[in-house]
Protein backbone atom coordinates (compact mmCIF):
# COMPACT_ATOMS: atom_id res chain seq x y z
CA MET A 1 88.72 112.03 108.11
CA LYS A 2 88.88 108.34 107.71
CA LYS A 3 88.38 107.96 111.42
CA LEU A 4 85.04 109.72 111.15
CA PHE A 5 83.87 107.53 108.28
CA PHE A 6 84.51 104.28 110.22
CA LEU A 7 83.10 105.39 113.69
CA PHE A 8 79.52 106.35 112.88
CA LEU A 9 77.41 103.99 115.02
CA MET A 10 73.91 104.09 116.59
CA LEU A 11 73.51 104.28 120.32
CA VAL A 12 71.44 102.80 123.10
CA PHE A 13 73.03 103.60 126.46
CA ILE A 14 73.69 100.84 128.95
CA CYS A 15 74.95 100.39 132.50
CA PRO A 16 72.71 103.32 133.39
CA GLU A 17 71.98 105.29 136.47
CA SER A 18 68.49 106.70 136.02
CA TYR A 19 67.71 110.34 136.66
CA GLY A 20 64.07 110.70 135.69
CA GLU A 21 64.02 110.73 131.90
CA THR A 22 67.79 110.58 131.43
CA VAL A 23 70.40 107.86 131.23
CA SER A 24 74.05 108.38 132.16
CA ALA A 25 76.88 105.97 131.45
CA HIS A 26 80.62 105.48 130.96
CA GLY A 27 79.97 103.70 127.66
CA PHE A 28 77.21 102.88 125.22
CA ALA A 29 76.32 100.31 122.58
CA MET A 30 73.85 99.90 119.77
CA ASN A 31 71.94 97.05 121.36
CA GLY A 32 72.27 95.15 124.60
CA GLU A 33 75.16 95.68 126.97
CA VAL A 34 78.65 96.94 126.30
CA LYS A 35 81.39 94.38 126.74
CA TYR A 36 83.37 96.45 129.25
CA LYS A 37 81.54 97.35 132.45
CA LYS A 38 82.19 100.42 134.52
CA GLY A 39 85.56 100.09 136.25
CA PHE A 40 87.09 97.80 133.60
CA SER A 41 90.89 97.73 133.57
CA HIS A 42 91.73 97.59 129.85
CA PHE A 43 90.57 96.33 126.47
CA GLU A 44 91.12 92.60 125.87
CA TYR A 45 93.08 93.11 122.65
CA VAL A 46 95.96 94.97 124.33
CA ASN A 47 98.92 93.87 126.41
CA PRO A 48 98.63 95.90 129.62
CA ASP A 49 102.28 95.14 130.38
CA ALA A 50 103.60 96.20 126.98
CA PRO A 51 106.90 98.06 127.39
CA LYS A 52 107.18 101.70 126.43
CA GLY A 53 109.95 102.89 124.16
CA GLY A 54 111.41 102.65 120.70
CA VAL A 55 110.78 104.37 117.39
CA PHE A 56 108.09 103.22 114.97
CA LYS A 57 108.71 104.42 111.44
CA ARG A 58 105.92 104.23 108.87
CA ALA A 59 105.55 105.36 105.28
CA ALA A 60 103.12 107.65 103.48
CA THR A 61 102.73 108.19 99.75
CA GLY A 62 102.55 111.55 98.02
CA SER A 63 103.06 114.75 99.95
CA PHE A 64 101.64 117.11 102.58
CA ASP A 65 101.60 120.86 103.02
CA SER A 66 99.34 121.28 106.03
CA LEU A 67 99.16 120.35 109.72
CA ASN A 68 95.45 121.07 109.86
CA PRO A 69 93.32 117.97 109.15
CA PHE A 70 90.05 119.83 109.67
CA VAL A 71 89.95 122.07 106.58
CA LEU A 72 89.84 121.43 102.85
CA LYS A 73 92.80 123.64 102.01
CA GLY A 74 96.00 121.71 101.43
CA LEU A 75 96.96 118.09 102.04
CA SER A 76 97.28 117.30 105.74
CA ALA A 77 100.10 115.18 107.15
CA GLY A 78 99.61 111.59 108.21
CA GLY A 79 99.17 110.75 111.88
CA LEU A 80 97.63 114.00 113.11
CA SER A 81 94.89 112.06 114.90
CA TYR A 82 97.56 111.19 117.50
CA VAL A 83 97.59 114.85 118.56
CA PHE A 84 93.87 115.52 118.97
CA GLU A 85 91.61 113.79 121.48
CA THR A 86 87.88 113.25 120.98
CA LEU A 87 85.10 113.22 123.55
CA CYS A 88 84.72 109.43 123.29
CA VAL A 89 86.65 106.52 121.77
CA GLN A 90 85.59 103.30 120.06
CA SER A 91 86.61 99.84 121.18
CA GLU A 92 87.89 97.73 118.30
CA ASP A 93 86.50 94.39 119.47
CA GLU A 94 82.85 95.44 119.52
CA PRO A 95 80.99 96.62 116.44
CA PHE A 96 78.98 99.38 118.08
CA SER A 97 80.46 100.38 121.44
CA MET A 98 81.92 103.71 122.57
CA TYR A 99 83.64 104.71 125.81
CA GLY A 100 84.39 108.03 127.46
CA LEU A 101 87.75 109.71 126.83
CA ILE A 102 87.74 113.48 127.42
CA ALA A 103 84.15 112.94 128.51
CA GLU A 104 84.13 110.61 131.51
CA GLU A 105 80.33 110.44 131.55
CA ILE A 106 77.68 110.83 128.88
CA THR A 107 74.03 111.63 129.57
CA ILE A 108 71.16 111.34 127.12
CA PRO A 109 67.41 111.72 127.74
CA GLU A 110 64.89 109.16 126.58
CA SER A 111 63.52 111.83 124.24
CA ASN A 112 66.88 112.00 122.43
CA LYS A 113 66.65 115.80 122.44
CA TYR A 114 70.21 116.39 123.60
CA VAL A 115 73.39 114.80 124.88
CA GLU A 116 75.57 116.03 127.76
CA PHE A 117 79.25 115.34 128.30
CA LYS A 118 80.92 115.58 131.69
CA ILE A 119 84.60 116.48 131.23
CA ASN A 120 87.22 114.38 132.99
CA GLU A 121 88.81 116.52 135.70
CA LYS A 122 92.30 115.41 134.57
CA ALA A 123 91.85 116.35 130.89
CA ARG A 124 94.59 118.77 129.79
CA PHE A 125 96.06 120.17 126.59
CA HIS A 126 99.77 119.70 125.98
CA ASP A 127 100.53 123.16 127.38
CA GLY A 128 98.98 122.13 130.70
CA LYS A 129 95.78 124.14 130.39
CA LYS A 130 92.62 122.39 131.53
CA ILE A 131 90.00 121.39 128.94
CA THR A 132 86.82 123.37 129.54
CA PRO A 133 83.31 123.58 128.14
CA GLU A 134 84.46 126.73 126.32
CA ASP A 135 87.00 124.65 124.39
CA ILE A 136 84.33 122.16 123.34
CA ILE A 137 81.96 124.93 122.28
CA PHE A 138 84.75 126.67 120.37
CA SER A 139 85.69 123.42 118.61
CA PHE A 140 82.15 122.82 117.43
CA ASN A 141 81.62 126.37 116.22
CA ILE A 142 84.96 126.74 114.44
CA LEU A 143 84.50 123.45 112.59
CA MET A 144 81.01 124.51 111.51
CA GLU A 145 82.22 127.93 110.38
CA LYS A 146 85.62 127.20 108.86
CA GLY A 147 86.06 123.43 108.76
CA SER A 148 85.54 121.04 105.88
CA PRO A 149 81.96 120.92 104.54
CA ILE A 150 81.67 117.44 106.04
CA TYR A 151 81.09 118.98 109.49
CA LYS A 152 78.05 120.98 108.39
CA LYS A 153 76.57 117.77 107.02
CA TYR A 154 77.29 115.63 110.09
CA TYR A 155 76.41 118.28 112.64
CA GLY A 156 73.49 119.73 110.71
CA ASP A 157 70.88 118.45 113.17
CA ILE A 158 72.54 120.10 116.17
CA SER A 159 70.74 123.32 117.08
CA ASP A 160 72.97 124.62 119.87
CA VAL A 161 75.82 123.82 122.23
CA VAL A 162 75.72 125.32 125.73
CA LYS A 163 77.76 125.28 128.91
CA ILE A 164 75.85 123.60 131.75
CA SER A 165 78.52 123.90 134.44
CA ASP A 166 82.27 124.23 134.80
CA ASN A 167 82.73 120.62 133.69
CA LYS A 168 79.66 119.86 131.59
CA VAL A 169 78.46 120.81 128.11
CA ARG A 170 75.19 120.05 126.33
CA PHE A 171 74.51 119.60 122.61
CA GLU A 172 70.86 120.25 121.77
CA PHE A 173 69.24 118.62 118.75
CA LYS A 174 66.79 119.94 116.17
CA THR A 175 65.14 116.54 115.97
CA SER A 176 64.67 113.52 118.19
CA ASP A 177 64.54 111.21 115.14
CA ASN A 178 68.29 110.85 114.70
CA PRO A 179 69.60 108.30 117.24
CA GLU A 180 73.06 108.58 115.71
CA LEU A 181 73.59 112.19 116.76
CA PRO A 182 75.00 111.46 120.25
CA LEU A 183 77.62 109.26 118.63
CA ILE A 184 78.46 111.76 115.92
CA ILE A 185 79.14 114.54 118.37
CA SER A 186 81.03 112.15 120.66
CA GLN A 187 83.64 112.00 117.89
CA LEU A 188 84.23 115.76 118.07
CA SER A 189 87.95 116.61 118.20
CA VAL A 190 88.46 119.08 121.04
CA LEU A 191 90.66 122.06 120.14
CA PRO A 192 92.19 124.62 122.52
CA LYS A 193 90.31 127.89 122.19
CA HIS A 194 93.16 130.00 123.60
CA TYR A 195 95.68 128.63 121.11
CA TYR A 196 93.71 128.83 117.86
CA GLU A 197 92.21 132.22 118.61
CA GLU A 198 95.78 133.51 118.83
CA LYS A 199 97.39 131.50 116.01
CA GLY A 200 94.47 131.42 113.60
CA PHE A 201 92.55 128.25 112.80
CA GLU A 202 93.16 128.02 109.06
CA ALA A 203 96.94 128.49 109.12
CA GLY A 204 98.25 125.39 107.38
CA LEU A 205 101.70 124.79 108.90
CA VAL A 206 101.19 126.08 112.45
CA PRO A 207 102.24 123.24 114.80
CA PRO A 208 99.01 121.92 116.30
CA LEU A 209 98.24 121.95 120.01
CA GLY A 210 96.12 119.07 121.22
CA SER A 211 95.52 116.82 124.18
CA GLY A 212 96.37 113.41 122.71
CA PRO A 213 99.10 110.87 123.47
CA TYR A 214 101.55 112.44 121.00
CA ARG A 215 102.67 115.91 119.91
CA VAL A 216 104.41 117.00 116.71
CA LYS A 217 108.17 116.82 117.23
CA ASP A 218 109.51 117.81 113.82
CA PHE A 219 108.46 117.96 110.19
CA SER A 220 109.49 118.93 106.68
CA PRO A 221 106.56 119.48 104.27
CA GLY A 222 106.33 116.66 101.78
CA LYS A 223 109.24 114.74 103.34
CA PHE A 224 108.49 113.57 106.88
CA ILE A 225 106.64 114.27 110.10
CA SER A 226 107.52 112.86 113.52
CA TYR A 227 105.52 112.64 116.74
CA GLU A 228 106.89 112.23 120.25
CA ARG A 229 105.00 110.52 123.05
CA VAL A 230 103.75 112.95 125.68
CA LYS A 231 105.34 111.62 128.86
CA ASP A 232 102.88 113.41 131.14
CA TYR A 233 99.87 112.62 128.93
CA TRP A 234 96.83 113.20 131.09
CA GLY A 235 94.94 110.12 129.83
CA LYS A 236 97.69 107.51 130.05
CA ASP A 237 96.03 105.70 132.98
CA LEU A 238 92.51 105.61 131.57
CA PRO A 239 91.24 102.05 130.94
CA VAL A 240 90.78 102.86 127.24
CA ASN A 241 94.50 103.76 127.00
CA ILE A 242 96.18 101.03 129.06
CA GLY A 243 98.51 99.04 126.80
CA MET A 244 98.20 101.63 124.04
CA TYR A 245 100.55 104.21 122.49
CA ASN A 246 103.73 102.40 123.44
CA PHE A 247 106.29 103.95 121.10
CA ASP A 248 108.34 106.94 122.20
CA GLU A 249 108.34 108.27 118.66
CA ILE A 250 106.26 107.67 115.52
CA ILE A 251 107.59 108.86 112.17
CA PHE A 252 105.86 109.09 108.78
CA ASP A 253 108.33 109.19 105.89
CA TYR A 254 106.91 110.30 102.54
CA TYR A 255 107.63 108.58 99.22
CA ARG A 256 106.61 109.69 95.76
CA ASP A 257 104.91 106.41 94.85
CA GLU A 258 104.22 102.90 96.16
CA THR A 259 106.94 101.23 94.11
CA VAL A 260 109.67 103.37 95.63
CA SER A 261 108.07 102.99 99.05
CA LEU A 262 108.06 99.18 98.86
CA GLU A 263 111.69 98.98 97.81
CA ALA A 264 112.62 101.34 100.66
CA PHE A 265 110.81 99.04 103.12
CA LYS A 266 112.65 95.96 101.86
CA ALA A 267 115.90 97.88 102.28
CA GLY A 268 115.05 98.58 105.93
CA ALA A 269 114.22 102.29 105.59
CA TYR A 270 111.07 101.95 107.71
CA ASP A 271 109.44 99.40 109.99
CA PHE A 272 105.86 98.59 109.05
CA ARG A 273 103.87 98.27 105.85
CA LEU A 274 100.17 97.69 105.20
CA GLU A 275 100.03 96.31 101.68
CA ASN A 276 97.10 97.20 99.42
CA THR A 277 98.32 95.69 96.16
CA ALA A 278 97.69 91.99 95.53
CA LYS A 279 100.53 91.52 93.04
CA SER A 280 103.05 93.07 95.39
CA TRP A 281 101.86 90.86 98.25
CA ALA A 282 102.14 87.76 96.07
CA VAL A 283 105.55 88.32 94.46
CA SER A 284 107.44 91.22 96.03
CA TYR A 285 107.68 90.27 99.70
CA GLU A 286 110.68 88.03 99.37
CA GLY A 287 114.43 88.24 99.70
CA PRO A 288 117.12 87.78 102.37
CA ALA A 289 115.32 89.80 105.05
CA PHE A 290 112.25 87.56 104.75
CA GLU A 291 114.27 84.36 104.50
CA LYS A 292 116.22 85.21 107.66
CA GLY A 293 113.08 86.15 109.55
CA GLU A 294 114.12 89.77 109.89
CA ILE A 295 110.79 90.82 108.36
CA ILE A 296 107.52 89.10 109.27
CA LYS A 297 104.76 88.76 106.70
CA GLU A 298 101.30 88.25 108.21
CA GLU A 299 97.62 88.19 107.25
CA ILE A 300 95.34 89.43 110.04
CA HIS A 301 91.64 88.70 109.50
CA HIS A 302 88.88 91.12 110.44
CA LYS A 303 85.09 91.47 110.38
CA ASN A 304 84.87 95.05 109.16
CA SER A 305 82.36 96.12 106.57
CA SER A 306 84.41 96.53 103.40
CA GLY A 307 82.20 99.20 101.89
CA MET A 308 82.44 99.70 98.15
CA GLN A 309 85.27 100.51 95.79
CA GLY A 310 84.79 101.07 92.09
CA PHE A 311 85.14 103.12 88.93
CA VAL A 312 82.75 105.98 89.73
CA PHE A 313 80.57 107.58 87.05
CA ASN A 314 80.10 111.33 87.42
CA LEU A 315 76.43 111.87 86.65
CA ARG A 316 77.08 115.58 86.33
CA ASN A 317 78.17 114.59 82.81
CA LYS A 318 75.07 114.22 80.66
CA LYS A 319 76.06 110.93 79.00
CA PHE A 320 76.32 109.15 82.34
CA GLN A 321 72.78 110.09 83.29
CA ASN A 322 71.64 107.15 81.14
CA ARG A 323 71.27 104.17 83.51
CA ASN A 324 71.40 101.60 80.71
CA LEU A 325 74.61 103.07 79.37
CA ARG A 326 76.10 102.71 82.84
CA LYS A 327 74.85 99.12 82.98
CA ALA A 328 76.59 98.31 79.69
CA LEU A 329 79.83 99.80 80.99
CA VAL A 330 79.54 97.65 84.13
CA TYR A 331 79.14 94.54 81.95
CA ALA A 332 82.37 95.39 80.13
CA PHE A 333 84.50 95.04 83.29
CA ASP A 334 86.01 91.54 83.55
CA PHE A 335 86.77 91.15 87.25
CA ASP A 336 87.40 87.41 87.11
CA TRP A 337 90.18 87.77 84.53
CA ILE A 338 91.76 90.60 86.52
CA ASN A 339 91.52 88.68 89.80
CA LYS A 340 93.10 85.56 88.31
CA ASN A 341 95.82 87.20 86.24
CA LEU A 342 96.67 90.35 88.18
CA PHE A 343 95.54 89.71 91.77
CA TYR A 344 96.56 86.05 92.18
CA GLY A 345 92.99 85.22 93.21
CA GLN A 346 93.19 87.19 96.47
CA TYR A 347 89.99 89.22 96.12
CA LYS A 348 86.25 88.75 96.23
CA ARG A 349 83.89 90.69 93.95
CA SER A 350 81.98 93.41 95.79
CA MET A 351 78.29 92.66 95.27
CA SER A 352 77.15 95.22 97.82
CA TYR A 353 77.94 98.70 99.10
CA PHE A 354 78.21 97.02 102.53
CA SER A 355 80.28 93.93 101.65
CA ASN A 356 81.58 91.59 104.36
CA SER A 357 78.77 92.50 106.76
CA GLU A 358 75.21 91.59 107.71
CA LEU A 359 74.14 94.85 106.08
CA ALA A 360 74.76 93.55 102.55
CA SER A 361 71.66 92.79 100.49
CA LYS A 362 71.41 89.25 99.13
CA GLY A 363 68.89 87.33 97.06
CA LEU A 364 65.44 88.82 96.66
CA PRO A 365 64.16 91.49 99.08
CA SER A 366 62.70 90.25 102.35
CA LYS A 367 59.15 91.05 103.36
CA GLU A 368 60.43 93.88 105.57
CA GLU A 369 62.58 95.31 102.77
CA LEU A 370 59.64 95.19 100.36
CA GLU A 371 57.56 97.24 102.79
CA ILE A 372 60.24 99.92 102.64
CA LEU A 373 60.59 99.75 98.85
CA LYS A 374 56.95 99.41 97.71
CA PRO A 375 56.11 103.15 97.98
CA TYR A 376 58.78 103.79 95.35
CA LYS A 377 57.54 101.34 92.74
CA GLY A 378 57.79 103.02 89.35
CA LYS A 379 60.41 105.43 90.65
CA ILE A 380 63.21 102.88 91.00
CA PRO A 381 64.28 100.08 88.64
CA ASP A 382 61.79 97.21 88.49
CA GLU A 383 64.65 94.76 88.99
CA VAL A 384 64.87 95.89 92.63
CA PHE A 385 61.64 93.99 93.29
CA GLU A 386 61.98 91.12 90.84
CA LYS A 387 65.58 89.98 90.57
CA GLU A 388 68.64 89.12 92.60
CA PHE A 389 71.39 91.58 91.78
CA PHE A 390 74.32 90.05 89.94
CA LEU A 391 77.53 91.10 88.23
CA PRO A 392 79.18 89.33 85.28
CA ASP A 393 80.86 86.08 86.29
CA THR A 394 83.24 85.18 83.49
CA ASP A 395 84.72 82.36 85.55
CA SER A 396 81.58 80.35 84.84
CA GLU A 397 80.21 78.96 81.58
CA LYS A 398 79.51 82.53 80.40
CA THR A 399 82.65 84.15 79.05
CA SER A 400 83.64 87.80 78.79
CA ARG A 401 82.52 87.68 75.15
CA TYR A 402 79.00 86.83 76.31
CA TYR A 403 78.81 89.89 78.53
CA LEU A 404 80.40 92.12 75.90
CA ARG A 405 77.67 91.00 73.48
CA LYS A 406 75.06 91.84 76.14
CA ALA A 407 76.68 95.25 76.58
CA ALA A 408 76.67 95.82 72.82
CA GLN A 409 72.96 94.97 72.65
CA ILE A 410 72.20 97.47 75.40
CA LEU A 411 74.26 100.18 73.71
CA LYS A 412 72.57 99.61 70.35
CA LYS A 413 69.15 99.85 71.97
CA GLU A 414 70.16 103.13 73.61
CA GLY A 415 71.19 104.62 70.26
CA TYR A 416 74.92 104.02 70.34
CA LEU A 417 75.83 102.53 66.96
CA VAL A 418 79.16 101.36 65.55
CA GLU A 419 80.61 103.38 62.67
CA ASN A 420 84.12 102.65 61.41
CA GLY A 421 84.91 100.76 64.60
CA LYS A 422 83.73 103.56 66.91
CA ARG A 423 80.60 103.68 69.04
CA ILE A 424 78.65 106.79 67.95
CA ASP A 425 75.64 108.43 69.55
CA LYS A 426 73.15 108.48 66.68
CA TYR A 427 71.50 111.59 68.08
CA SER A 428 74.49 113.83 68.79
CA LYS A 429 76.77 112.12 66.23
CA LYS A 430 79.55 112.21 68.86
CA PRO A 431 81.75 109.22 69.68
CA LEU A 432 81.22 107.54 73.04
CA GLU A 433 84.42 108.23 74.92
CA PHE A 434 85.44 109.42 78.36
CA GLU A 435 88.39 109.95 80.69
CA ILE A 436 89.28 108.20 83.93
CA LEU A 437 91.29 110.25 86.43
CA ILE A 438 93.75 108.36 88.66
CA SER A 439 96.62 109.24 90.98
CA SER A 440 97.91 105.77 91.86
CA PRO A 441 100.05 103.76 89.43
CA ALA A 442 98.58 100.61 90.96
CA PHE A 443 95.25 101.38 89.31
CA GLU A 444 96.76 102.18 85.94
CA ARG A 445 97.06 98.53 84.95
CA ILE A 446 93.43 97.93 86.01
CA ALA A 447 92.28 100.88 83.94
CA LEU A 448 94.33 99.62 80.97
CA THR A 449 92.60 96.23 81.17
CA TYR A 450 89.22 97.96 81.28
CA LYS A 451 90.23 100.13 78.33
CA LYS A 452 90.94 97.05 76.20
CA SER A 453 87.48 95.66 76.96
CA LEU A 454 85.83 98.97 76.09
CA GLU A 455 87.77 99.16 72.81
CA LYS A 456 86.07 95.93 71.74
CA LEU A 457 82.78 97.81 72.07
CA GLY A 458 84.11 100.79 70.12
CA ILE A 459 84.29 102.96 73.25
CA GLY A 460 87.26 105.23 73.85
CA LEU A 461 88.82 105.51 77.31
CA GLU A 462 91.63 107.93 78.10
CA ILE A 463 93.59 107.27 81.30
CA ARG A 464 94.89 110.45 82.90
CA ARG A 465 97.27 110.06 85.81
CA VAL A 466 97.95 113.16 87.91
CA ASP A 467 99.78 113.90 91.16
CA ASP A 468 98.01 113.75 94.52
CA THR A 469 97.50 117.50 94.83
CA GLN A 470 95.89 117.85 91.42
CA PHE A 471 93.83 114.72 91.93
CA TYR A 472 92.33 115.87 95.22
CA ASN A 473 91.71 119.37 93.94
CA ARG A 474 89.85 118.02 90.95
CA ILE A 475 87.69 115.58 92.88
CA ARG A 476 86.85 118.27 95.45
CA ASN A 477 85.42 120.31 92.58
CA PHE A 478 83.94 117.28 90.75
CA ASP A 479 86.16 118.00 87.75
CA TYR A 480 86.27 114.51 86.22
CA GLU A 481 84.24 112.05 84.19
CA MET A 482 85.27 108.90 86.04
CA ILE A 483 87.49 108.23 89.04
CA THR A 484 88.43 105.30 91.23
CA SER A 485 87.15 105.79 94.76
CA VAL A 486 86.17 104.00 97.95
CA PHE A 487 82.99 104.48 99.99
CA PRO A 488 83.93 103.12 103.42
CA GLN A 489 81.10 101.91 105.63
CA SER A 490 80.74 101.36 109.35
CA LEU A 491 78.71 98.52 110.81
CA SER A 492 75.99 101.01 111.67
CA PRO A 493 75.50 103.46 108.80
CA GLY A 494 73.80 106.79 109.38
CA ASN A 495 74.41 110.45 108.63
CA GLU A 496 77.40 109.81 106.39
CA GLN A 497 75.00 108.31 103.83
CA ARG A 498 73.71 111.83 103.16
CA TYR A 499 77.24 112.84 102.37
CA PHE A 500 77.75 109.88 100.02
CA TRP A 501 74.46 109.89 98.12
CA GLY A 502 72.36 112.92 99.15
CA SER A 503 71.11 115.49 96.62
CA LEU A 504 72.39 118.42 98.68
CA ALA A 505 75.87 116.90 98.86
CA ALA A 506 75.93 116.58 95.06
CA ASP A 507 76.36 120.35 94.81
CA THR A 508 78.67 120.75 97.80
CA PRO A 509 82.36 121.02 96.80
CA GLY A 510 84.44 118.62 98.84
CA SER A 511 81.58 116.22 99.58
CA ARG A 512 81.85 112.46 99.04
CA ASN A 513 78.92 112.36 96.61
CA TYR A 514 81.39 111.71 93.83
CA CYS A 515 78.68 110.14 91.67
CA GLY A 516 76.61 113.34 91.62
CA ILE A 517 73.47 111.45 92.66
CA LYS A 518 70.29 113.51 92.91
CA ASN A 519 67.62 110.93 93.53
CA PRO A 520 64.62 111.84 95.76
CA VAL A 521 63.99 108.17 96.54
CA ILE A 522 67.52 107.70 97.82
CA ASP A 523 67.19 110.90 99.85
CA GLU A 524 64.05 109.54 101.53
CA ILE A 525 65.49 106.09 102.23
CA VAL A 526 68.62 107.65 103.71
CA GLU A 527 66.53 109.81 106.06
CA LYS A 528 64.51 106.78 107.15
CA LEU A 529 67.75 104.86 107.68
CA ILE A 530 69.13 107.62 109.88
CA SER A 531 66.01 107.65 112.07
CA ALA A 532 65.62 103.85 112.16
CA LYS A 533 64.86 102.50 115.64
CA GLY A 534 66.44 99.19 116.55
CA ARG A 535 69.16 97.13 114.89
CA GLN A 536 66.94 95.04 112.61
CA ASN A 537 65.08 98.08 111.35
CA LEU A 538 68.41 99.69 110.52
CA ILE A 539 69.56 96.55 108.69
CA ASN A 540 66.37 96.45 106.61
CA HIS A 541 66.69 100.10 105.56
CA THR A 542 70.38 99.66 104.77
CA LYS A 543 69.64 96.66 102.55
CA ALA A 544 66.89 98.60 100.80
CA LEU A 545 69.30 101.47 100.14
CA ASP A 546 71.92 98.97 98.95
CA ARG A 547 69.52 97.50 96.38
CA VAL A 548 68.56 100.88 94.94
CA LEU A 549 72.20 101.92 94.65
CA LEU A 550 73.22 98.64 93.02
CA TRP A 551 70.45 98.53 90.42
CA ASN A 552 71.11 102.12 89.39
CA TYR A 553 74.68 101.21 88.36
CA TYR A 554 76.26 104.36 89.78
CA LEU A 555 79.71 102.77 89.58
CA VAL A 556 81.59 99.76 88.25
CA PRO A 557 82.04 97.62 91.39
CA HIS A 558 85.55 96.42 92.17
CA TRP A 559 86.58 93.99 94.91
CA HIS A 560 87.28 93.57 98.61
CA ILE A 561 89.33 91.48 101.01
CA ASP A 562 88.61 90.39 104.59
CA TYR A 563 92.10 90.53 106.04
CA PHE A 564 94.93 93.00 106.53
CA ARG A 565 98.18 92.25 104.68
CA VAL A 566 100.98 93.49 106.92
CA ALA A 567 104.76 93.16 107.01
CA TYR A 568 106.99 94.44 109.80
CA LYS A 569 110.42 94.10 111.34
CA ASN A 570 110.56 91.24 113.80
CA LYS A 571 111.46 93.49 116.73
CA PHE A 572 107.82 94.59 116.82
CA LYS A 573 105.12 92.63 118.59
CA HIS A 574 101.36 92.71 118.83
CA PRO A 575 98.91 90.98 121.20
CA GLN A 576 98.01 87.42 120.25
CA LYS A 577 94.35 88.39 120.33
CA THR A 578 93.64 90.90 117.57
CA PRO A 579 90.44 92.99 117.45
CA ASP A 580 87.63 91.95 115.11
CA TYR A 581 87.00 95.44 113.81
CA GLY A 582 90.42 96.98 113.44
CA LEU A 583 94.13 96.34 113.05
CA GLY A 584 94.87 97.43 116.63
CA LEU A 585 98.13 99.06 115.56
CA ASN A 586 98.15 101.41 118.54
CA SER A 587 98.54 98.38 120.84
CA TRP A 588 101.82 97.23 119.22
CA TRP A 589 105.19 97.59 120.97
CA GLN A 590 108.90 97.07 120.44
CA GLU A 591 111.12 94.41 122.00
CA ASP A 592 114.86 94.82 121.54
């Protein structure tokens, strides 16, 4: 699912051959020309001569009980995207470019009423059967009928999918105002109709049949899953695949928590680790293996939008429907102390839902942003128009005490008074207290620090840590008061914003509207964002949305980082040139 969240980009086709009112191409970009022209040999961030072979062992945390990544039921195993091919694939060194994979040619009319995909004649499933329009139609329909609710949201503007010929399929749109739709459907995973009609689509542990570079070799639920490279993979000679998928076998070993996983890595139990914990990166990556150069520690910079991570308020709980209460709780979070004392200064405060990108709002609204926001004056916070958004900076002359006093003033004004050291709602006579639900021990120490700050305000915070299965089941059903979550963002936001913030998604179990937002203004801005024509128009609408989200204090913003922290055994290599918008892990190889 993560793949979907990071690949949602707007399209303007390039390198065209004109057929009346249609444009056909091998690739497409948001604006201007794609980097790789028709007939290109390979992406620049790969080594086309990389040797094939070796075993690449990775780690996963928690458990899995399903080999079906397309449904809500169960926890799916890591790495299943290696099995299933999509119609198109993204390049990682361009922010908005897509290239044909199963679909060797894509056609879209100027009216944006449909998109057609011409199937590559060589495209085959692992059992040798040719990929047909019937498979594509089946894939779309089964995901709409039985897949995760995310598919109904993303594909909601598609009215029909029809077979045009033996190698071409057309997706027809309900509206021409959604330029993102061709991209969204180009990310459709193509499933074999003959296999899943026989085996059943929702069966959790049925070995999947796909058309990708790897197939499932072996697995034990909750322990490991291994993938073997498909030697006769139909797409191995495509330009988008040259220099890619070099390992003969990829294994995901499962560990119960990150502490155990890290110690196993240092002991040589697996080969590669992407570190997400600042303290571990600062103090734990040391020892004989590092001193001898047996393990390489590297920071690889990127230009990805970092999205937003934070402590998320669930507005389905009545107390959190008070914006000023949420604001006070945001003021109580001392990021600067945490960054200095727990994170070794590695992070930057996230001041936007689109951090580390040109989409992030800054300063006061521009003239263009004001034109978007003015119709909503009186319906959104006045600060959106008048002030630059800020978060407490306790590393300046204003200390944490200053912001705690500000928070206390807000709470008092909202009717939350202190009685016997506890903050009491003067209307309901109930103490102000809530629970934060977490599954990762790494966040427990952050929550404990936040708890101490809240105690100074007389607010009670209970930290409840649960296992992965219980955590995901509870968030799917919105059974929490506060959670830690991430809202990942692409460099061209679109339909996924409905799923994050839309009113309809607030009542859809399994959606990513964890906040429970039901705000008509946000609904309207999101729809205008989705239909925005041109890059600058999209940027303006995204910044407007960003400002409304920020000033409503729907979460307590956390932090972000603009590089990958990776460690790996020195027998593994990667191209000297790394992609701007990804880690490029599929281009790595092994040298004995």
